[in-house]
Amino acid sequence: MAEELLSNYQHIIEELRLVTGRGGVFEVRINDDLIFSKKTMQKRHAEPGEILGLFREIVGPDVPTYPQTK
């Protein structure tokens, strides 16, 4: 997930932190906003590409992915 985000949006991500937890907790926050939670929201593991899709929705379609293609 981290690699997927950075390979597509490294030009706009200022900080990416991976924090270990216990009990199967998996949460994704953007600017302190919780966008995915295995424990409280979706109650399941993220599907491949799902976190990238959520991130893309938040940054908007006008933000190009990296590397920019012509």
PDB file of N, CA and C in Angstrom:
ATOM      1  N   MET A   1       0.817  -1.181   0.000  1.00  0.00           N
ATOM      2  CA  MET A   1       0.000   0.000   0.000  1.00  0.00           C
ATOM      3  C   MET A   1       0.865   1.250   0.000  1.00  0.00           C
ATOM      4  N   ALA A   2       1.865   1.320   0.856  1.00  0.00           N
ATOM      5  CA  ALA A   2       2.743   2.487   0.903  1.00  0.00           C
ATOM      6  C   ALA A   2       3.482   2.653  -0.421  1.00  0.00           C
ATOM      7  N   GLU A   3       3.982   1.553  -0.963  1.00  0.00           N
ATOM      8  CA  GLU A   3       4.699   1.614  -2.239  1.00  0.00           C
ATOM      9  C   GLU A   3       3.778   2.097  -3.358  1.00  0.00           C
ATOM     10  N   GLU A   4       2.547   1.634  -3.343  1.00  0.00           N
ATOM     11  CA  GLU A   4       1.579   2.021  -4.365  1.00  0.00           C
ATOM     12  C   GLU A   4       1.289   3.526  -4.290  1.00  0.00           C
ATOM     13  N   LEU A   5       1.101   4.041  -3.080  1.00  0.00           N
ATOM     14  CA  LEU A   5       0.848   5.469  -2.912  1.00  0.00           C
ATOM     15  C   LEU A   5       2.053   6.294  -3.358  1.00  0.00           C
ATOM     16  N   LEU A   6       3.243   5.891  -2.905  1.00  0.00           N
ATOM     17  CA  LEU A   6       4.441   6.664  -3.231  1.00  0.00           C
ATOM     18  C   LEU A   6       4.811   6.584  -4.709  1.00  0.00           C
ATOM     19  N   SER A   7       4.597   5.439  -5.333  1.00  0.00           N
ATOM     20  CA  SER A   7       4.951   5.331  -6.752  1.00  0.00           C
ATOM     21  C   SER A   7       4.024   6.171  -7.629  1.00  0.00           C
ATOM     22  N   ASN A   8       2.835   6.477  -7.148  1.00  0.00           N
ATOM     23  CA  ASN A   8       1.880   7.280  -7.919  1.00  0.00           C
ATOM     24  C   ASN A   8       1.820   8.739  -7.501  1.00  0.00           C
ATOM     25  N   TYR A   9       2.064   9.021  -6.210  1.00  0.00           N
ATOM     26  CA  TYR A   9       1.868  10.372  -5.686  1.00  0.00           C
ATOM     27  C   TYR A   9       3.046  10.890  -4.872  1.00  0.00           C
ATOM     28  N   GLN A  10       4.257  10.422  -5.165  1.00  0.00           N
ATOM     29  CA  GLN A  10       5.427  10.878  -4.408  1.00  0.00           C
ATOM     30  C   GLN A  10       5.644  12.376  -4.531  1.00  0.00           C
ATOM     31  N   HIS A  11       5.175  12.988  -5.586  1.00  0.00           N
ATOM     32  CA  HIS A  11       5.370  14.414  -5.811  1.00  0.00           C
ATOM     33  C   HIS A  11       4.448  15.291  -4.953  1.00  0.00           C
ATOM     34  N   ILE A  12       3.444  14.704  -4.292  1.00  0.00           N
ATOM     35  CA  ILE A  12       2.575  15.513  -3.431  1.00  0.00           C
ATOM     36  C   ILE A  12       2.539  15.024  -1.980  1.00  0.00           C
ATOM     37  N   ILE A  13       3.030  13.826  -1.710  1.00  0.00           N
ATOM     38  CA  ILE A  13       3.020  13.302  -0.344  1.00  0.00           C
ATOM     39  C   ILE A  13       4.231  13.856   0.396  1.00  0.00           C
ATOM     40  N   GLU A  14       3.977  14.605   1.462  1.00  0.00           N
ATOM     41  CA  GLU A  14       5.059  15.177   2.259  1.00  0.00           C
ATOM     42  C   GLU A  14       5.535  14.218   3.335  1.00  0.00           C
ATOM     43  N   GLU A  15       4.634  13.401   3.840  1.00  0.00           N
ATOM     44  CA  GLU A  15       4.986  12.473   4.918  1.00  0.00           C
ATOM     45  C   GLU A  15       4.094  11.243   4.821  1.00  0.00           C
ATOM     46  N   LEU A  16       4.697  10.083   5.037  1.00  0.00           N
ATOM     47  CA  LEU A  16       3.966   8.824   5.074  1.00  0.00           C
ATOM     48  C   LEU A  16       4.502   8.046   6.261  1.00  0.00           C
ATOM     49  N   ARG A  17       3.639   7.742   7.214  1.00  0.00           N
ATOM     50  CA  ARG A  17       4.064   7.006   8.405  1.00  0.00           C
ATOM     51  C   ARG A  17       3.349   5.670   8.468  1.00  0.00           C
ATOM     52  N   LEU A  18       4.104   4.639   8.778  1.00  0.00           N
ATOM     53  CA  LEU A  18       3.536   3.328   9.040  1.00  0.00           C
ATOM     54  C   LEU A  18       3.708   3.078  10.531  1.00  0.00           C
ATOM     55  N   VAL A  19       2.600   2.877  11.220  1.00  0.00           N
ATOM     56  CA  VAL A  19       2.622   2.691  12.666  1.00  0.00           C
ATOM     57  C   VAL A  19       2.111   1.292  12.975  1.00  0.00           C
ATOM     58  N   THR A  20       2.911   0.530  13.697  1.00  0.00           N
ATOM     59  CA  THR A  20       2.475  -0.821  14.049  1.00  0.00           C
ATOM     60  C   THR A  20       1.417  -0.761  15.137  1.00  0.00           C
ATOM     61  N   GLY A  21       0.567  -1.756  15.143  1.00  0.00           N
ATOM     62  CA  GLY A  21      -0.492  -1.840  16.137  1.00  0.00           C
ATOM     63  C   GLY A  21      -0.686  -3.277  16.567  1.00  0.00           C
ATOM     64  N   ARG A  22      -1.705  -3.479  17.378  1.00  0.00           N
ATOM     65  CA  ARG A  22      -2.004  -4.832  17.846  1.00  0.00           C
ATOM     66  C   ARG A  22      -3.462  -5.171  17.543  1.00  0.00           C
ATOM     67  N   GLY A  23      -3.730  -6.446  17.524  1.00  0.00           N
ATOM     68  CA  GLY A  23      -5.114  -6.887  17.356  1.00  0.00           C
ATOM     69  C   GLY A  23      -5.660  -6.734  15.948  1.00  0.00           C
ATOM     70  N   GLY A  24      -4.792  -6.705  14.956  1.00  0.00           N
ATOM     71  CA  GLY A  24      -5.269  -6.620  13.577  1.00  0.00           C
ATOM     72  C   GLY A  24      -5.737  -5.245  13.154  1.00  0.00           C
ATOM     73  N   VAL A  25      -5.356  -4.215  13.901  1.00  0.00           N
ATOM     74  CA  VAL A  25      -5.771  -2.858  13.556  1.00  0.00           C
ATOM     75  C   VAL A  25      -5.055  -2.422  12.280  1.00  0.00           C
ATOM     76  N   PHE A  26      -5.804  -1.891  11.340  1.00  0.00           N
ATOM     77  CA  PHE A  26      -5.258  -1.340  10.106  1.00  0.00           C
ATOM     78  C   PHE A  26      -6.078  -0.110   9.779  1.00  0.00           C
ATOM     79  N   GLU A  27      -5.462   1.060   9.894  1.00  0.00           N
ATOM     80  CA  GLU A  27      -6.155   2.308   9.621  1.00  0.00           C
ATOM     81  C   GLU A  27      -5.320   3.156   8.678  1.00  0.00           C
ATOM     82  N   VAL A  28      -6.002   3.916   7.856  1.00  0.00           N
ATOM     83  CA  VAL A  28      -5.337   4.841   6.949  1.00  0.00           C
ATOM     84  C   VAL A  28      -5.932   6.219   7.199  1.00  0.00           C
ATOM     85  N   ARG A  29      -5.054   7.170   7.460  1.00  0.00           N
ATOM     86  CA  ARG A  29      -5.463   8.558   7.694  1.00  0.00           C
ATOM     87  C   ARG A  29      -4.763   9.457   6.696  1.00  0.00           C
ATOM     88  N   ILE A  30      -5.485  10.464   6.253  1.00  0.00           N
ATOM     89  CA  ILE A  30      -4.911  11.518   5.424  1.00  0.00           C
ATOM     90  C   ILE A  30      -5.221  12.823   6.128  1.00  0.00           C
ATOM     91  N   ASN A  31      -4.143  13.530   6.518  1.00  0.00           N
ATOM     92  CA  ASN A  31      -4.306  14.784   7.264  1.00  0.00           C
ATOM     93  C   ASN A  31      -5.214  14.600   8.479  1.00  0.00           C
ATOM     94  N   ASP A  32      -4.998  13.556   9.220  1.00  0.00           N
ATOM     95  CA  ASP A  32      -5.749  13.212  10.437  1.00  0.00           C
ATOM     96  C   ASP A  32      -7.181  12.744  10.178  1.00  0.00           C
ATOM     97  N   ASP A  33      -7.614  12.685   8.923  1.00  0.00           N
ATOM     98  CA  ASP A  33      -8.948  12.171   8.599  1.00  0.00           C
ATOM     99  C   ASP A  33      -8.849  10.674   8.330  1.00  0.00           C
ATOM    100  N   LEU A  34      -9.627   9.898   9.052  1.00  0.00           N
ATOM    101  CA  LEU A  34      -9.650   8.447   8.882  1.00  0.00           C
ATOM    102  C   LEU A  34     -10.408   8.114   7.602  1.00  0.00           C
ATOM    103  N   ILE A  35      -9.714   7.449   6.649  1.00  0.00           N
ATOM    104  CA  ILE A  35     -10.383   7.089   5.387  1.00  0.00           C
ATOM    105  C   ILE A  35     -10.614   5.587   5.255  1.00  0.00           C
ATOM    106  N   PHE A  36      -9.898   4.788   6.044  1.00  0.00           N
ATOM    107  CA  PHE A  36     -10.095   3.344   6.026  1.00  0.00           C
ATOM    108  C   PHE A  36      -9.754   2.797   7.397  1.00  0.00           C
ATOM    109  N   SER A  37     -10.611   1.921   7.915  1.00  0.00           N
ATOM    110  CA  SER A  37     -10.335   1.259   9.186  1.00  0.00           C
ATOM    111  C   SER A  37     -10.852  -0.165   9.144  1.00  0.00           C
ATOM    112  N   LYS A  38      -9.929  -1.089   9.266  1.00  0.00           N
ATOM    113  CA  LYS A  38     -10.319  -2.501   9.315  1.00  0.00           C
ATOM    114  C   LYS A  38     -11.148  -2.776  10.562  1.00  0.00           C
ATOM    115  N   LYS A  39     -10.859  -2.062  11.627  1.00  0.00           N
ATOM    116  CA  LYS A  39     -11.519  -2.323  12.904  1.00  0.00           C
ATOM    117  C   LYS A  39     -12.901  -1.680  13.019  1.00  0.00           C
ATOM    118  N   THR A  40     -13.054  -0.425  12.568  1.00  0.00           N
ATOM    119  CA  THR A  40     -14.305   0.279  12.848  1.00  0.00           C
ATOM    120  C   THR A  40     -15.168   0.647  11.644  1.00  0.00           C
ATOM    121  N   MET A  41     -14.572   0.778  10.471  1.00  0.00           N
ATOM    122  CA  MET A  41     -15.358   1.230   9.319  1.00  0.00           C
ATOM    123  C   MET A  41     -15.718   0.069   8.385  1.00  0.00           C
ATOM    124  N   GLN A  42     -14.747  -0.394   7.630  1.00  0.00           N
ATOM    125  CA  GLN A  42     -15.003  -1.432   6.641  1.00  0.00           C
ATOM    126  C   GLN A  42     -15.037  -2.832   7.250  1.00  0.00           C
ATOM    127  N   LYS A  43     -14.335  -3.007   8.367  1.00  0.00           N
ATOM    128  CA  LYS A  43     -14.293  -4.280   9.100  1.00  0.00           C
ATOM    129  C   LYS A  43     -13.792  -5.440   8.235  1.00  0.00           C
ATOM    130  N   ARG A  44     -12.789  -5.117   7.404  1.00  0.00           N
ATOM    131  CA  ARG A  44     -12.165  -6.116   6.532  1.00  0.00           C
ATOM    132  C   ARG A  44     -10.825  -5.556   6.076  1.00  0.00           C
ATOM    133  N   HIS A  45      -9.998  -6.419   5.463  1.00  0.00           N
ATOM    134  CA  HIS A  45      -8.746  -5.951   4.874  1.00  0.00           C
ATOM    135  C   HIS A  45      -9.054  -5.146   3.621  1.00  0.00           C
ATOM    136  N   ALA A  46      -8.177  -4.229   3.285  1.00  0.00           N
ATOM    137  CA  ALA A  46      -8.328  -3.454   2.054  1.00  0.00           C
ATOM    138  C   ALA A  46      -8.048  -4.341   0.845  1.00  0.00           C
ATOM    139  N   GLU A  47      -8.817  -4.148  -0.186  1.00  0.00           N
ATOM    140  CA  GLU A  47      -8.602  -4.857  -1.450  1.00  0.00           C
ATOM    141  C   GLU A  47      -7.425  -4.213  -2.175  1.00  0.00           C
ATOM    142  N   PRO A  48      -6.753  -4.947  -3.068  1.00  0.00           N
ATOM    143  CA  PRO A  48      -5.662  -4.351  -3.841  1.00  0.00           C
ATOM    144  C   PRO A  48      -6.148  -3.109  -4.598  1.00  0.00           C
ATOM    145  N   GLY A  49      -5.420  -2.020  -4.455  1.00  0.00           N
ATOM    146  CA  GLY A  49      -5.760  -0.774  -5.129  1.00  0.00           C
ATOM    147  C   GLY A  49      -6.817   0.069  -4.432  1.00  0.00           C
ATOM    148  N   GLU A  50      -7.439  -0.455  -3.387  1.00  0.00           N
ATOM    149  CA  GLU A  50      -8.526   0.273  -2.725  1.00  0.00           C
ATOM    150  C   GLU A  50      -8.039   1.550  -2.036  1.00  0.00           C
ATOM    151  N   ILE A  51      -6.936   1.474  -1.320  1.00  0.00           N
ATOM    152  CA  ILE A  51      -6.418   2.654  -0.624  1.00  0.00           C
ATOM    153  C   ILE A  51      -5.977   3.705  -1.642  1.00  0.00           C
ATOM    154  N   LEU A  52      -5.343   3.275  -2.716  1.00  0.00           N
ATOM    155  CA  LEU A  52      -4.948   4.199  -3.776  1.00  0.00           C
ATOM    156  C   LEU A  52      -6.184   4.893  -4.354  1.00  0.00           C
ATOM    157  N   GLY A  53      -7.246   4.152  -4.552  1.00  0.00           N
ATOM    158  CA  GLY A  53      -8.487   4.739  -5.063  1.00  0.00           C
ATOM    159  C   GLY A  53      -9.082   5.762  -4.118  1.00  0.00           C
ATOM    160  N   LEU A  54      -9.067   5.462  -2.818  1.00  0.00           N
ATOM    161  CA  LEU A  54      -9.571   6.414  -1.824  1.00  0.00           C
ATOM    162  C   LEU A  54      -8.717   7.676  -1.815  1.00  0.00           C
ATOM    163  N   PHE A  55      -7.399   7.494  -1.903  1.00  0.00           N
ATOM    164  CA  PHE A  55      -6.491   8.635  -1.933  1.00  0.00           C
ATOM    165  C   PHE A  55      -6.761   9.485  -3.171  1.00  0.00           C
ATOM    166  N   ARG A  56      -6.938   8.831  -4.302  1.00  0.00           N
ATOM    167  CA  ARG A  56      -7.204   9.529  -5.563  1.00  0.00           C
ATOM    168  C   ARG A  56      -8.493  10.351  -5.471  1.00  0.00           C
ATOM    169  N   GLU A  57      -9.508   9.820  -4.808  1.00  0.00           N
ATOM    170  CA  GLU A  57     -10.763  10.560  -4.622  1.00  0.00           C
ATOM    171  C   GLU A  57     -10.540  11.824  -3.803  1.00  0.00           C
ATOM    172  N   ILE A  58      -9.674  11.740  -2.801  1.00  0.00           N
ATOM    173  CA  ILE A  58      -9.434  12.886  -1.919  1.00  0.00           C
ATOM    174  C   ILE A  58      -8.607  13.966  -2.623  1.00  0.00           C
ATOM    175  N   VAL A  59      -7.541  13.575  -3.328  1.00  0.00           N
ATOM    176  CA  VAL A  59      -6.698  14.585  -3.984  1.00  0.00           C
ATOM    177  C   VAL A  59      -7.347  15.141  -5.241  1.00  0.00           C
ATOM    178  N   GLY A  60      -8.253  14.402  -5.821  1.00  0.00           N
ATOM    179  CA  GLY A  60      -8.989  14.875  -6.982  1.00  0.00           C
ATOM    180  C   GLY A  60      -8.381  14.441  -8.306  1.00  0.00           C
ATOM    181  N   PRO A  61      -9.195  14.468  -9.340  1.00  0.00           N
ATOM    182  CA  PRO A  61      -8.756  13.993 -10.648  1.00  0.00           C
ATOM    183  C   PRO A  61      -7.773  14.935 -11.350  1.00  0.00           C
ATOM    184  N   ASP A  62      -7.657  16.173 -10.875  1.00  0.00           N
ATOM    185  CA  ASP A  62      -6.756  17.135 -11.518  1.00  0.00           C
ATOM    186  C   ASP A  62      -5.301  16.936 -11.121  1.00  0.00           C
ATOM    187  N   VAL A  63      -5.038  16.134 -10.090  1.00  0.00           N
ATOM    188  CA  VAL A  63      -3.668  15.884  -9.650  1.00  0.00           C
ATOM    189  C   VAL A  63      -3.129  14.695 -10.448  1.00  0.00           C
ATOM    190  N   PRO A  64      -2.111  14.920 -11.268  1.00  0.00           N
ATOM    191  CA  PRO A  64      -1.573  13.826 -12.083  1.00  0.00           C
ATOM    192  C   PRO A  64      -0.785  12.833 -11.229  1.00  0.00           C
ATOM    193  N   THR A  65      -0.721  11.607 -11.711  1.00  0.00           N
ATOM    194  CA  THR A  65       0.100  10.619 -11.032  1.00  0.00           C
ATOM    195  C   THR A  65       1.540  10.754 -11.524  1.00  0.00           C
ATOM    196  N   TYR A  66       2.455  10.159 -10.801  1.00  0.00           N
ATOM    197  CA  TYR A  66       3.875  10.237 -11.138  1.00  0.00           C
ATOM    198  C   TYR A  66       4.306   8.886 -11.703  1.00  0.00           C
ATOM    199  N   PRO A  67       5.111   8.772 -12.690  1.00  0.00           N
ATOM    200  CA  PRO A  67       5.614   9.881 -13.496  1.00  0.00           C
ATOM    201  C   PRO A  67       4.528  10.375 -14.438  1.00  0.00           C
ATOM    202  N   GLN A  68       4.547  11.631 -14.686  1.00  0.00           N
ATOM    203  CA  GLN A  68       3.536  12.214 -15.554  1.00  0.00           C
ATOM    204  C   GLN A  68       3.743  11.711 -16.972  1.00  0.00           C
ATOM    205  N   THR A  69       2.661  11.264 -17.567  1.00  0.00           N
ATOM    206  CA  THR A  69       2.737  10.765 -18.940  1.00  0.00           C
ATOM    207  C   THR A  69       2.198  11.811 -19.894  1.00  0.00           C
ATOM    208  N   LYS A  70       2.722  11.818 -21.090  1.00  0.00           N
ATOM    209  CA  LYS A  70       2.277  12.809 -22.087  1.00  0.00           C
ATOM    210  C   LYS A  70       1.178  12.241 -22.931  1.00  0.00           C
TER     211      LYS A  70
END
